[in-house]
């Protein structure tokens, strides 16, 4: 699902912005939710974005078909 969020078909929702060094469980959860369409659409309205980075690709993952 994360790979699908990075596809060009989903580019209309904006970039995926995550904190590269999450220190709390809340920040880690926010990083996970950043891959959702709703969070991506909301990224333009975030106030504290100086430490966020744009995710353009993820490491290759084993595909699961079951």
N, C-alpha and C. Protein backbone atom coordinates (compact mmCIF):
# COMPACT_ATOMS: atom_id res chain seq x y z
N UNK A 1 0.82 -1.19 0.00
CA UNK A 1 0.00 0.00 0.00
C UNK A 1 0.86 1.26 0.00
N UNK A 2 2.01 1.16 0.67
CA UNK A 2 2.91 2.32 0.67
C UNK A 2 3.46 2.58 -0.72
N UNK A 3 3.82 1.51 -1.44
CA UNK A 3 4.31 1.66 -2.80
C UNK A 3 3.24 2.25 -3.69
N UNK A 4 2.00 1.84 -3.51
CA UNK A 4 0.89 2.38 -4.31
C UNK A 4 0.70 3.86 -4.02
N UNK A 5 0.93 4.29 -2.80
CA UNK A 5 0.80 5.71 -2.46
C UNK A 5 1.82 6.55 -3.19
N UNK A 6 2.96 5.95 -3.55
CA UNK A 6 4.00 6.69 -4.25
C UNK A 6 3.81 6.73 -5.76
N UNK A 7 2.86 5.96 -6.27
CA UNK A 7 2.68 5.91 -7.72
C UNK A 7 2.22 7.27 -8.25
N UNK A 8 2.47 7.47 -9.53
CA UNK A 8 2.09 8.75 -10.14
C UNK A 8 0.59 8.95 -10.17
N UNK A 9 -0.17 7.88 -10.13
CA UNK A 9 -1.63 8.00 -10.14
C UNK A 9 -2.11 8.71 -8.87
N UNK A 10 -1.37 8.60 -7.79
CA UNK A 10 -1.75 9.24 -6.53
C UNK A 10 -1.03 10.57 -6.30
N UNK A 11 -0.31 11.05 -7.29
CA UNK A 11 0.45 12.28 -7.13
C UNK A 11 -0.44 13.50 -6.92
N UNK A 12 -1.70 13.42 -7.30
CA UNK A 12 -2.60 14.56 -7.16
C UNK A 12 -2.84 14.95 -5.71
N UNK A 13 -2.54 14.05 -4.76
CA UNK A 13 -2.75 14.34 -3.35
C UNK A 13 -1.58 15.07 -2.71
N UNK A 14 -0.50 15.25 -3.43
CA UNK A 14 0.65 15.96 -2.89
C UNK A 14 1.71 15.02 -2.38
N UNK A 15 2.80 15.59 -1.85
CA UNK A 15 3.93 14.77 -1.41
C UNK A 15 3.64 14.04 -0.10
N UNK A 16 4.40 12.99 0.13
CA UNK A 16 4.35 12.26 1.39
C UNK A 16 5.45 12.83 2.28
N UNK A 17 5.05 13.49 3.35
CA UNK A 17 6.01 14.15 4.24
C UNK A 17 6.08 13.40 5.57
N UNK A 18 7.29 12.98 5.95
CA UNK A 18 7.48 12.24 7.20
C UNK A 18 8.63 12.84 7.99
N UNK A 19 8.62 12.57 9.29
CA UNK A 19 9.72 12.96 10.18
C UNK A 19 10.77 11.85 10.10
N UNK A 20 12.00 12.17 9.67
CA UNK A 20 13.01 11.13 9.50
C UNK A 20 13.51 10.52 10.81
N UNK A 21 13.31 11.18 11.93
CA UNK A 21 13.78 10.70 13.23
C UNK A 21 12.66 10.80 14.26
N UNK A 22 11.67 9.93 14.18
CA UNK A 22 10.57 10.01 15.14
C UNK A 22 11.05 9.65 16.55
N UNK A 23 10.72 10.50 17.51
CA UNK A 23 11.15 10.29 18.89
C UNK A 23 10.04 9.73 19.77
N UNK A 24 8.79 9.85 19.33
CA UNK A 24 7.67 9.40 20.14
C UNK A 24 6.79 8.48 19.30
N UNK A 25 5.93 7.76 19.98
CA UNK A 25 5.00 6.88 19.30
C UNK A 25 4.03 7.67 18.45
N UNK A 26 3.65 8.86 18.90
CA UNK A 26 2.73 9.69 18.15
C UNK A 26 3.33 10.12 16.81
N UNK A 27 4.60 10.47 16.82
CA UNK A 27 5.26 10.90 15.58
C UNK A 27 5.41 9.71 14.64
N UNK A 28 5.72 8.53 15.17
CA UNK A 28 5.83 7.34 14.34
C UNK A 28 4.48 7.01 13.71
N UNK A 29 3.41 7.16 14.47
CA UNK A 29 2.07 6.91 13.94
C UNK A 29 1.72 7.94 12.86
N UNK A 30 2.12 9.18 13.08
CA UNK A 30 1.88 10.23 12.08
C UNK A 30 2.64 9.91 10.78
N UNK A 31 3.85 9.36 10.91
CA UNK A 31 4.61 8.96 9.73
C UNK A 31 3.86 7.88 8.94
N UNK A 32 3.30 6.92 9.64
CA UNK A 32 2.55 5.87 8.97
C UNK A 32 1.31 6.44 8.28
N UNK A 33 0.60 7.31 8.98
CA UNK A 33 -0.61 7.90 8.41
C UNK A 33 -0.31 8.87 7.27
N UNK A 34 0.94 9.32 7.16
CA UNK A 34 1.32 10.25 6.09
C UNK A 34 1.16 9.63 4.71
N UNK A 35 1.07 8.31 4.63
CA UNK A 35 0.89 7.64 3.35
C UNK A 35 -0.57 7.62 2.91
N UNK A 36 -1.49 8.05 3.76
CA UNK A 36 -2.91 8.07 3.39
C UNK A 36 -3.22 9.30 2.55
N UNK A 37 -4.24 9.20 1.73
CA UNK A 37 -4.64 10.31 0.87
C UNK A 37 -5.07 11.52 1.68
N UNK A 38 -5.77 11.28 2.78
CA UNK A 38 -6.26 12.39 3.62
C UNK A 38 -5.10 13.18 4.21
N UNK A 39 -4.09 12.50 4.71
CA UNK A 39 -2.94 13.19 5.30
C UNK A 39 -2.16 13.94 4.24
N UNK A 40 -2.05 13.36 3.06
CA UNK A 40 -1.31 14.02 1.99
C UNK A 40 -2.02 15.28 1.53
N UNK A 41 -3.33 15.25 1.48
CA UNK A 41 -4.09 16.43 1.09
C UNK A 41 -3.97 17.52 2.15
N UNK A 42 -3.77 17.13 3.40
CA UNK A 42 -3.67 18.07 4.51
C UNK A 42 -2.25 18.63 4.69
N UNK A 43 -1.24 18.05 4.05
CA UNK A 43 0.14 18.47 4.25
C UNK A 43 0.36 19.95 3.99
N UNK A 44 -0.37 20.52 3.07
CA UNK A 44 -0.20 21.93 2.77
C UNK A 44 -0.64 22.85 3.89
N UNK A 45 -1.39 22.34 4.84
CA UNK A 45 -1.90 23.17 5.93
C UNK A 45 -1.14 22.96 7.24
N UNK A 46 -0.10 22.12 7.23
CA UNK A 46 0.67 21.88 8.46
C UNK A 46 1.51 23.09 8.81
N UNK A 47 1.62 23.38 10.09
CA UNK A 47 2.40 24.53 10.54
C UNK A 47 3.87 24.18 10.79
N UNK A 48 4.13 23.04 11.42
CA UNK A 48 5.49 22.67 11.84
C UNK A 48 6.07 21.67 10.85
N UNK A 49 6.62 22.15 9.73
CA UNK A 49 7.11 21.26 8.69
C UNK A 49 8.61 21.38 8.44
N UNK A 50 9.34 22.10 9.29
CA UNK A 50 10.75 22.30 9.02
C UNK A 50 11.58 21.03 9.11
N UNK A 51 11.17 20.03 9.90
CA UNK A 51 11.96 18.82 10.02
C UNK A 51 11.39 17.66 9.20
N UNK A 52 10.37 17.90 8.39
CA UNK A 52 9.78 16.84 7.58
C UNK A 52 10.52 16.72 6.25
N UNK A 53 10.60 15.49 5.75
CA UNK A 53 11.22 15.25 4.46
C UNK A 53 10.21 14.62 3.52
N UNK A 54 10.39 14.86 2.24
CA UNK A 54 9.52 14.33 1.21
C UNK A 54 10.00 12.93 0.84
N UNK A 55 9.10 11.95 0.86
CA UNK A 55 9.42 10.58 0.47
C UNK A 55 9.12 10.43 -1.02
N UNK A 56 10.12 10.08 -1.80
CA UNK A 56 9.92 9.90 -3.24
C UNK A 56 10.04 8.44 -3.65
N UNK A 57 10.69 7.62 -2.83
CA UNK A 57 10.79 6.20 -3.11
C UNK A 57 11.01 5.44 -1.80
N UNK A 58 10.62 4.18 -1.80
CA UNK A 58 10.83 3.35 -0.62
C UNK A 58 11.69 2.16 -1.04
N UNK A 59 12.37 1.56 -0.09
CA UNK A 59 13.19 0.39 -0.45
C UNK A 59 12.34 -0.73 -1.02
N UNK A 60 12.95 -1.54 -1.82
CA UNK A 60 12.25 -2.68 -2.41
C UNK A 60 11.76 -3.60 -1.30
N UNK A 61 10.49 -4.00 -1.40
CA UNK A 61 9.89 -4.87 -0.40
C UNK A 61 9.40 -6.14 -1.06
N UNK A 62 9.36 -7.19 -0.30
CA UNK A 62 8.81 -8.46 -0.80
C UNK A 62 7.32 -8.28 -1.04
N UNK A 63 6.87 -8.71 -2.21
CA UNK A 63 5.45 -8.59 -2.53
C UNK A 63 4.69 -9.74 -1.89
N UNK A 64 3.52 -9.44 -1.42
CA UNK A 64 2.67 -10.42 -0.77
C UNK A 64 1.37 -10.52 -1.55
N UNK A 65 1.04 -11.70 -2.01
CA UNK A 65 -0.14 -11.89 -2.85
C UNK A 65 -1.23 -12.71 -2.17
N UNK A 66 -1.13 -12.93 -0.89
CA UNK A 66 -2.13 -13.77 -0.26
C UNK A 66 -2.80 -13.11 0.82
